[in-house]
Amino acid sequence: MQRIYRPVFRLNNSATQSYSTLPSLPSDFSWLPRFFDLSEQHSLLSAALRKLDEAEPRALRKRRRDFLASYQLDQNRDTGDLKNVFLPDEFYHFEEGHYDGVIKRFREMRLSNWDDEKDPILRSALGRLGTLYPSRGGIQTHLLHLASNGEIHPHIDNIGASGSWILGISLGSERVLRMESVEDDIRGMQKHTFDVLLPSGSVYIQK
């Protein structure tokens, strides 16, 4: 009998514990901790933030531009990490709560296209990512930007809406993903929980 897991997706700002490499993950969960290199992470994150920014009010977009100009920052430069890509939280409009109460302090959108024709690094990264898809067709792309104090609470995804698998990319600060089985000691299978540290550039697939 196969265990069914739900993400207890309480993402913390930093890891405060030591996490093993999890030598025996469940067969329906895959984890690639260093899938994207720094240049790919930079392109993916910059493109995602641009898409989210475009959906926000004009006044807030102008405020971000003025901030960048006044400090002579360039969102697209590579300084060896991703810190320069993010602005302080006050320059984004974060929703305080999701309609179902699962997510706190976030921005999100469904994405129809990446506009990657001008960025060969982004195009290559997305192409490599596509080789991991368990199946083709009907792919939905969802962007989620958590505030520095944002988090995702325990939940079970609706298979009818989300499909039979979810592929997640983590970019920015390290976060902790906790997975726990839904059932309690059914047919001799005891409840099982495991934590996965998601460094920037990591990918996981849950089936």
Protein backbone atom coordinates (compact mmCIF):
# COMPACT_ATOMS: atom_id res chain seq x y z
CA MET A 1 0.00 0.00 0.00
CA GLN A 2 1.31 3.45 -0.88
CA ARG A 3 1.32 6.30 1.60
CA ILE A 4 -0.45 9.51 0.64
CA TYR A 5 1.33 12.65 1.83
CA ARG A 6 0.23 16.20 2.36
CA PRO A 7 2.62 19.13 2.51
CA VAL A 8 2.83 20.70 5.91
CA PHE A 9 4.28 23.54 3.93
CA ARG A 10 5.30 25.74 6.83
CA LEU A 11 8.17 27.60 5.25
CA ASN A 12 10.53 29.26 7.68
CA ASN A 13 12.89 32.11 6.89
CA SER A 14 15.97 30.07 7.68
CA ALA A 15 16.92 26.58 8.66
CA THR A 16 17.56 26.23 12.38
CA GLN A 17 18.15 22.48 12.37
CA SER A 18 20.41 20.05 10.59
CA TYR A 19 18.81 18.10 7.78
CA SER A 20 20.12 14.87 6.38
CA THR A 21 20.23 14.08 2.68
CA LEU A 22 17.21 11.82 3.27
CA PRO A 23 18.61 8.61 1.75
CA SER A 24 15.18 6.92 1.59
CA LEU A 25 12.56 9.30 0.30
CA PRO A 26 9.15 7.89 -0.62
CA SER A 27 8.98 6.62 -4.19
CA ASP A 28 6.44 9.32 -5.12
CA PHE A 29 8.62 12.21 -3.92
CA SER A 30 11.77 13.43 -5.69
CA TRP A 31 14.20 16.09 -4.48
CA LEU A 32 16.99 17.74 -6.46
CA PRO A 33 18.69 20.18 -4.05
CA ARG A 34 21.02 21.91 -6.57
CA PHE A 35 19.24 21.65 -9.89
CA PHE A 36 19.73 25.27 -11.06
CA ASP A 37 23.06 27.09 -10.97
CA LEU A 38 23.28 30.70 -9.80
CA SER A 39 22.88 32.30 -13.24
CA GLU A 40 19.77 30.18 -13.91
CA GLN A 41 18.34 31.08 -10.51
CA HIS A 42 18.97 34.75 -11.20
CA SER A 43 17.16 34.59 -14.56
CA LEU A 44 14.22 32.60 -13.19
CA LEU A 45 13.76 34.80 -10.15
CA SER A 46 14.12 38.07 -12.07
CA ALA A 47 11.59 36.91 -14.68
CA ALA A 48 9.12 35.75 -12.00
CA LEU A 49 9.35 39.01 -10.07
CA ARG A 50 8.88 41.06 -13.25
CA LYS A 51 5.69 39.14 -14.01
CA LEU A 52 4.35 39.67 -10.49
CA ASP A 53 5.34 43.35 -10.55
CA GLU A 54 3.44 43.95 -13.81
CA ALA A 55 0.19 42.89 -12.12
CA GLU A 56 0.49 45.47 -9.34
CA PRO A 57 -0.85 49.05 -9.29
CA ARG A 58 1.01 51.66 -11.32
CA ALA A 59 1.78 53.79 -8.27
CA LEU A 60 3.59 50.91 -6.58
CA ARG A 61 5.55 50.11 -9.73
CA LYS A 62 6.65 53.77 -9.91
CA ARG A 63 7.69 53.68 -6.27
CA ARG A 64 9.91 50.68 -7.00
CA ARG A 65 11.46 52.40 -10.01
CA ASP A 66 12.17 55.53 -7.98
CA PHE A 67 13.76 53.46 -5.22
CA LEU A 68 16.00 51.65 -7.68
CA ALA A 69 17.01 54.89 -9.37
CA SER A 70 17.77 56.68 -6.11
CA TYR A 71 20.07 53.92 -4.90
CA GLN A 72 21.47 53.24 -8.37
CA LEU A 73 20.57 49.57 -8.13
CA ASP A 74 20.27 47.25 -11.07
CA GLN A 75 17.92 44.31 -10.55
CA ASN A 76 19.58 42.30 -13.29
CA ARG A 77 23.22 42.52 -12.19
CA ASP A 78 24.84 39.42 -10.73
CA THR A 79 26.58 40.12 -7.43
CA GLY A 80 27.25 36.48 -6.56
CA ASP A 81 23.90 35.84 -4.87
CA LEU A 82 20.20 36.66 -5.24
CA LYS A 83 19.94 39.35 -2.56
CA ASN A 84 19.99 42.23 -5.03
CA VAL A 85 17.01 40.83 -6.93
CA PHE A 86 14.59 41.34 -4.03
CA LEU A 87 13.57 44.76 -2.77
CA PRO A 88 12.55 45.36 0.86
CA ASP A 89 9.10 44.00 1.68
CA GLU A 90 7.51 47.47 1.83
CA PHE A 91 7.98 47.85 -1.93
CA TYR A 92 5.63 44.94 -2.68
CA HIS A 93 1.90 44.54 -2.11
CA PHE A 94 1.55 41.30 -0.15
CA GLU A 95 -1.85 39.80 0.51
CA GLU A 96 -2.32 39.18 4.24
CA GLY A 97 -4.23 35.94 3.80
CA HIS A 98 -5.42 33.49 1.16
CA TYR A 99 -9.12 32.80 0.63
CA ASP A 100 -8.71 29.36 2.21
CA GLY A 101 -6.33 30.55 4.94
CA VAL A 102 -3.43 28.42 3.72
CA ILE A 103 -0.97 31.17 2.71
CA LYS A 104 0.04 34.26 4.69
CA ARG A 105 1.77 37.41 3.36
CA PHE A 106 2.20 36.59 -0.32
CA ARG A 107 1.91 37.65 -3.95
CA GLU A 108 0.80 35.13 -6.54
CA MET A 109 -0.36 34.70 -10.12
CA ARG A 110 -0.94 32.05 -12.75
CA LEU A 111 1.51 32.42 -15.62
CA SER A 112 0.65 31.76 -19.27
CA ASN A 113 4.07 32.52 -20.79
CA TRP A 114 7.58 33.51 -19.71
CA ASP A 115 8.63 35.88 -22.54
CA ASP A 116 11.96 34.03 -22.61
CA GLU A 117 12.91 34.66 -26.23
CA LYS A 118 15.39 37.39 -25.22
CA ASP A 119 17.01 35.47 -22.37
CA PRO A 120 18.90 32.34 -23.48
CA ILE A 121 19.73 31.41 -19.87
CA LEU A 122 16.06 31.46 -18.89
CA ARG A 123 15.08 29.52 -22.00
CA SER A 124 17.73 26.88 -21.30
CA ALA A 125 16.71 26.60 -17.62
CA LEU A 126 13.05 26.11 -18.53
CA GLY A 127 14.04 23.53 -21.13
CA ARG A 128 16.00 21.51 -18.59
CA LEU A 129 13.12 21.78 -16.14
CA GLY A 130 10.77 20.34 -18.75
CA THR A 131 12.77 17.12 -18.85
CA LEU A 132 11.63 16.44 -15.26
CA TYR A 133 7.90 16.61 -15.96
CA PRO A 134 6.28 13.25 -15.09
CA SER A 135 3.76 13.82 -17.90
CA ARG A 136 3.13 16.27 -20.71
CA GLY A 137 0.15 18.43 -21.50
CA GLY A 138 -2.08 20.55 -19.32
CA ILE A 139 0.81 22.15 -17.41
CA GLN A 140 -0.09 25.06 -15.14
CA THR A 141 2.54 27.51 -13.92
CA HIS A 142 1.93 29.28 -10.65
CA LEU A 143 4.18 32.02 -9.22
CA LEU A 144 4.23 32.55 -5.47
CA HIS A 145 6.31 35.25 -3.74
CA LEU A 146 6.35 35.02 0.04
CA ALA A 147 7.22 38.02 2.18
CA SER A 148 10.18 37.65 4.51
CA ASN A 149 7.68 36.60 7.21
CA GLY A 150 5.29 34.81 4.85
CA GLU A 151 4.44 31.13 5.16
CA ILE A 152 2.34 28.30 3.79
CA HIS A 153 0.33 26.34 6.33
CA PRO A 154 -0.57 22.63 6.25
CA HIS A 155 -2.87 21.71 3.40
CA ILE A 156 -3.83 18.98 0.94
CA ASP A 157 -3.92 20.00 -2.70
CA ASN A 158 -7.05 19.39 -4.75
CA ILE A 159 -6.04 16.82 -7.37
CA GLY A 160 -8.93 17.90 -9.59
CA ALA A 161 -7.50 21.41 -9.75
CA SER A 162 -3.78 20.72 -9.43
CA GLY A 163 -3.41 17.46 -11.34
CA SER A 164 -1.67 14.25 -10.31
CA TRP A 165 1.75 15.82 -9.66
CA ILE A 166 3.29 19.09 -8.50
CA LEU A 167 6.77 20.31 -9.34
CA GLY A 168 8.09 23.09 -7.11
CA ILE A 169 11.10 25.38 -7.53
CA SER A 170 12.49 27.22 -4.51
CA LEU A 171 14.37 30.48 -5.10
CA GLY A 172 15.74 32.90 -2.51
CA SER A 173 16.05 32.13 1.19
CA GLU A 174 16.30 28.54 2.37
CA ARG A 175 12.95 27.16 3.48
CA VAL A 176 11.84 23.94 5.13
CA LEU A 177 9.20 21.72 3.54
CA ARG A 178 7.57 19.22 5.88
CA MET A 179 5.64 16.34 4.34
CA GLU A 180 3.36 14.18 6.46
CA SER A 181 1.23 11.21 5.54
CA VAL A 182 -2.51 11.75 5.59
CA GLU A 183 -3.50 8.45 7.17
CA ASP A 184 -2.81 7.27 10.73
CA ASP A 185 -1.76 3.64 11.05
CA ILE A 186 -3.92 2.28 8.23
CA ARG A 187 -3.25 -1.40 7.53
CA GLY A 188 -0.17 -1.32 9.71
CA MET A 189 1.30 1.80 8.10
CA GLN A 190 2.07 4.35 10.76
CA LYS A 191 1.92 8.06 10.21
CA HIS A 192 5.15 9.26 8.60
CA THR A 193 6.66 12.76 8.51
CA PHE A 194 9.86 14.00 6.94
CA ASP A 195 11.47 17.43 6.47
CA VAL A 196 13.28 18.62 3.36
CA LEU A 197 15.53 21.66 3.34
CA LEU A 198 14.93 23.63 0.13
CA PRO A 199 18.02 25.65 -0.77
CA SER A 200 17.74 28.20 -3.55
CA GLY A 201 17.77 26.45 -6.92
CA SER A 202 16.24 23.24 -5.60
CA VAL A 203 13.41 21.33 -7.27
CA TYR A 204 11.00 18.81 -5.79
CA ILE A 205 8.31 16.68 -7.40
CA GLN A 206 5.34 15.29 -5.47
CA LYS A 207 3.14 12.70 -7.16
